[in-house]
Amino acid sequence: MNTTKESLIGAVSKTLVWRGLLAIAIGVVSVVWPNITVGAFVILFAVYAFIAAGMDAVRAFTSGRAGAVIGNLLLSLLSLAAGVVALVWPGPTATVLTLIVGWWALFTGLVEIAMVFTSGRRAGERAWLILSGLISIAFAVALFIRPDLGALSLATVFGLYSIFFGISSLVVAREGHELRHSTGRPAEAVS
């Protein structure tokens, strides 16, 4: 593997690590302090969505495959739109906020599952994308079934979802790190 591809994999892995750590931190805060106000949750969600949008855009522009570029750009646009909607209408009821988060989770899950079908993904990465996508869809369905959960319950459920999402990002980043190191060794032995 050439140095450019190795550095590209390294950059994507670092992005996934930071995204995973951020998701876990936000998840822990949401679970530990579930009594945050709806307004604070709106801002927290918007910040998370904007950061996720930025990181997905970085992954899109550092990817060498068209499918990954399109998938990551779509995820970036979805996260950006969710953040803007949350900030433009900061006073929605818990039900409306629940539905916004539900639609965001549904579309994110569908895009993650669709990204499995792009070429060049390792089996472990595909499995985590499928699992993460299915968890996102299940989260959305739960929110659609019970949109009256309220801010406290939503904060707790979102926190648990964020922790899982963060852990899955860290696992995928580790897969990329292992790929980078396992493909670099044979080249070093030949040199």
Protein backbone atom coordinates (compact mmCIF):
# COMPACT_ATOMS: atom_id res chain seq x y z
CA MET A 1 0.00 0.00 0.00
CA ASN A 2 1.45 3.36 -0.89
CA THR A 3 2.05 6.15 1.59
CA THR A 4 -0.88 8.25 0.35
CA LYS A 5 -3.39 5.48 0.97
CA GLU A 6 -1.83 4.72 4.37
CA SER A 7 -2.10 8.39 5.40
CA LEU A 8 -5.67 8.51 4.08
CA ILE A 9 -6.64 5.47 6.16
CA GLY A 10 -4.87 7.04 9.14
CA ALA A 11 -6.78 10.31 8.72
CA VAL A 12 -10.13 8.53 8.47
CA SER A 13 -9.28 6.40 11.51
CA LYS A 14 -8.40 9.51 13.55
CA THR A 15 -11.64 11.19 12.46
CA LEU A 16 -13.62 8.14 13.53
CA VAL A 17 -11.84 8.05 16.89
CA TRP A 18 -12.67 11.71 17.61
CA ARG A 19 -16.26 11.24 16.44
CA GLY A 20 -16.60 8.13 18.60
CA LEU A 21 -15.16 9.81 21.69
CA LEU A 22 -17.44 12.83 21.19
CA ALA A 23 -20.50 10.58 20.81
CA ILE A 24 -19.58 8.67 23.98
CA ALA A 25 -19.03 11.90 25.94
CA ILE A 26 -22.37 13.34 24.80
CA GLY A 27 -24.04 10.02 25.57
CA VAL A 28 -22.62 9.87 29.09
CA VAL A 29 -23.69 13.47 29.81
CA SER A 30 -27.21 12.70 28.53
CA VAL A 31 -27.50 9.55 30.65
CA VAL A 32 -25.96 10.99 33.83
CA TRP A 33 -27.98 14.25 33.71
CA PRO A 34 -31.25 13.31 31.99
CA ASN A 35 -33.09 16.24 33.55
CA ILE A 36 -31.57 18.71 31.10
CA THR A 37 -34.07 21.11 29.65
CA VAL A 38 -35.50 20.74 26.18
CA GLY A 39 -33.66 23.92 25.15
CA ALA A 40 -30.32 22.57 26.35
CA PHE A 41 -31.01 19.27 24.60
CA VAL A 42 -31.83 21.12 21.37
CA ILE A 43 -28.50 22.94 21.52
CA LEU A 44 -26.63 19.76 22.49
CA PHE A 45 -28.24 17.86 19.63
CA ALA A 46 -27.53 20.68 17.14
CA VAL A 47 -23.87 20.88 18.16
CA TYR A 48 -23.53 17.12 17.85
CA ALA A 49 -25.23 17.15 14.45
CA PHE A 50 -22.97 19.96 13.17
CA ILE A 51 -19.82 18.18 14.35
CA ALA A 52 -21.02 14.91 12.83
CA ALA A 53 -21.74 16.78 9.57
CA GLY A 54 -18.22 18.22 9.53
CA MET A 55 -16.60 14.87 10.24
CA ASP A 56 -18.67 13.12 7.58
CA ALA A 57 -17.67 15.82 5.10
CA VAL A 58 -14.01 15.25 5.97
CA ARG A 59 -14.46 11.51 5.46
CA ALA A 60 -16.19 12.18 2.12
CA PHE A 61 -13.41 14.40 0.80
CA THR A 62 -10.67 12.03 1.95
CA SER A 63 -12.26 8.93 0.46
CA GLY A 64 -11.05 7.49 -2.79
CA ARG A 65 -14.26 5.64 -3.66
CA ALA A 66 -17.29 7.29 -5.25
CA GLY A 67 -19.78 5.31 -3.16
CA ALA A 68 -18.12 6.36 0.10
CA VAL A 69 -17.94 9.99 -1.06
CA ILE A 70 -21.66 10.07 -1.88
CA GLY A 71 -22.66 8.20 1.28
CA ASN A 72 -20.58 10.40 3.57
CA LEU A 73 -21.76 13.58 1.85
CA LEU A 74 -25.36 12.44 2.27
CA LEU A 75 -24.76 11.72 5.97
CA SER A 76 -23.13 15.14 6.29
CA LEU A 77 -26.09 16.91 4.67
CA LEU A 78 -28.59 15.00 6.83
CA SER A 79 -26.74 15.89 10.02
CA LEU A 80 -26.38 19.52 8.92
CA ALA A 81 -30.11 19.75 8.14
CA ALA A 82 -31.03 18.18 11.49
CA GLY A 83 -28.84 20.68 13.34
CA VAL A 84 -30.27 23.66 11.45
CA VAL A 85 -33.86 22.55 12.04
CA ALA A 86 -33.14 22.13 15.76
CA LEU A 87 -31.70 25.66 16.03
CA VAL A 88 -34.19 27.46 13.80
CA TRP A 89 -37.13 26.19 15.90
CA PRO A 90 -35.64 26.10 19.42
CA GLY A 91 -38.96 26.00 21.22
CA PRO A 92 -40.50 22.80 19.87
CA THR A 93 -42.36 20.55 22.18
CA ALA A 94 -40.74 17.31 23.30
CA THR A 95 -42.91 15.50 20.76
CA VAL A 96 -41.62 17.55 17.82
CA LEU A 97 -38.02 17.20 19.02
CA THR A 98 -38.55 13.47 19.36
CA LEU A 99 -39.80 13.27 15.77
CA ILE A 100 -36.87 15.35 14.46
CA VAL A 101 -34.40 13.03 16.18
CA GLY A 102 -36.41 10.02 14.97
CA TRP A 103 -36.26 11.08 11.32
CA TRP A 104 -32.54 11.86 11.66
CA ALA A 105 -31.87 8.42 13.17
CA LEU A 106 -33.96 6.68 10.50
CA PHE A 107 -32.18 8.32 7.57
CA THR A 108 -28.77 7.88 9.19
CA GLY A 109 -29.47 4.16 9.69
CA LEU A 110 -30.65 3.71 6.11
CA VAL A 111 -27.56 5.46 4.70
CA GLU A 112 -25.24 3.41 6.93
CA ILE A 113 -26.82 0.19 5.71
CA ALA A 114 -26.59 1.39 2.09
CA MET A 115 -22.88 2.16 2.59
CA VAL A 116 -22.29 -1.56 3.28
CA PHE A 117 -22.77 -2.20 -0.42
CA THR A 118 -19.86 0.03 -1.48
CA SER A 119 -16.77 -1.88 -2.50
CA GLY A 120 -13.58 -2.12 -0.50
CA ARG A 121 -15.11 -2.59 2.95
CA ARG A 122 -13.79 -5.30 5.25
CA ALA A 123 -16.20 -7.79 6.77
CA GLY A 124 -15.85 -6.33 10.27
CA GLU A 125 -16.52 -2.82 9.02
CA ARG A 126 -19.58 -4.03 7.09
CA ALA A 127 -20.92 -5.85 10.14
CA TRP A 128 -20.56 -2.75 12.33
CA LEU A 129 -22.20 -0.53 9.70
CA ILE A 130 -25.14 -2.95 9.46
CA LEU A 131 -25.46 -3.21 13.24
CA SER A 132 -25.15 0.55 13.69
CA GLY A 133 -27.69 1.14 10.92
CA LEU A 134 -30.15 -1.33 12.42
CA ILE A 135 -29.76 0.21 15.89
CA SER A 136 -30.40 3.66 14.37
CA ILE A 137 -33.53 2.40 12.64
CA ALA A 138 -34.76 0.66 15.80
CA PHE A 139 -34.15 3.86 17.76
CA ALA A 140 -36.18 5.80 15.18
CA VAL A 141 -39.03 3.30 15.25
CA ALA A 142 -39.16 3.46 19.06
CA LEU A 143 -39.34 7.26 18.89
CA PHE A 144 -42.09 7.16 16.23
CA ILE A 145 -44.14 4.67 18.27
CA ARG A 146 -43.84 6.73 21.47
CA PRO A 147 -43.18 10.37 20.54
CA ASP A 148 -44.63 11.40 23.89
CA LEU A 149 -41.57 10.10 25.72
CA GLY A 150 -40.64 13.57 26.85
CA ALA A 151 -37.29 15.26 27.15
CA LEU A 152 -36.05 13.22 30.11
CA SER A 153 -36.64 9.89 28.42
CA LEU A 154 -35.38 11.20 25.09
CA ALA A 155 -32.16 12.42 26.71
CA THR A 156 -31.57 8.99 28.26
CA VAL A 157 -32.41 7.06 25.08
CA PHE A 158 -30.32 9.44 22.96
CA GLY A 159 -27.46 9.08 25.44
CA LEU A 160 -27.51 5.29 25.23
CA TYR A 161 -27.70 5.50 21.42
CA SER A 162 -24.76 7.93 21.33
CA ILE A 163 -22.67 5.67 23.54
CA PHE A 164 -23.33 2.70 21.24
CA PHE A 165 -22.67 4.81 18.14
CA GLY A 166 -19.42 6.08 19.66
CA ILE A 167 -18.25 2.57 20.50
CA SER A 168 -19.05 1.38 16.97
CA SER A 169 -17.07 4.31 15.51
CA LEU A 170 -14.09 3.35 17.68
CA VAL A 171 -14.33 -0.28 16.50
CA VAL A 172 -14.42 0.78 12.84
CA ALA A 173 -11.46 3.12 13.46
CA ARG A 174 -9.54 0.20 14.98
CA GLU A 175 -10.33 -1.89 11.88
CA GLY A 176 -8.83 0.88 9.73
CA HIS A 177 -5.80 1.14 12.01
CA GLU A 178 -5.23 -2.62 11.79
CA LEU A 179 -5.63 -2.50 8.00
CA ARG A 180 -3.08 0.28 7.76
CA HIS A 181 -0.54 -1.57 9.88
CA SER A 182 -1.13 -5.01 8.39
CA THR A 183 -0.67 -3.76 4.82
CA GLY A 184 2.35 -1.65 5.73
CA ARG A 185 4.39 -4.56 7.12
CA PRO A 186 4.87 -6.53 3.89
CA ALA A 187 6.01 -3.38 2.13
CA GLU A 188 8.59 -2.74 4.86
CA ALA A 189 9.89 -6.31 4.57
CA VAL A 190 10.42 -5.93 0.80
CA SER A 191 12.19 -2.56 1.15
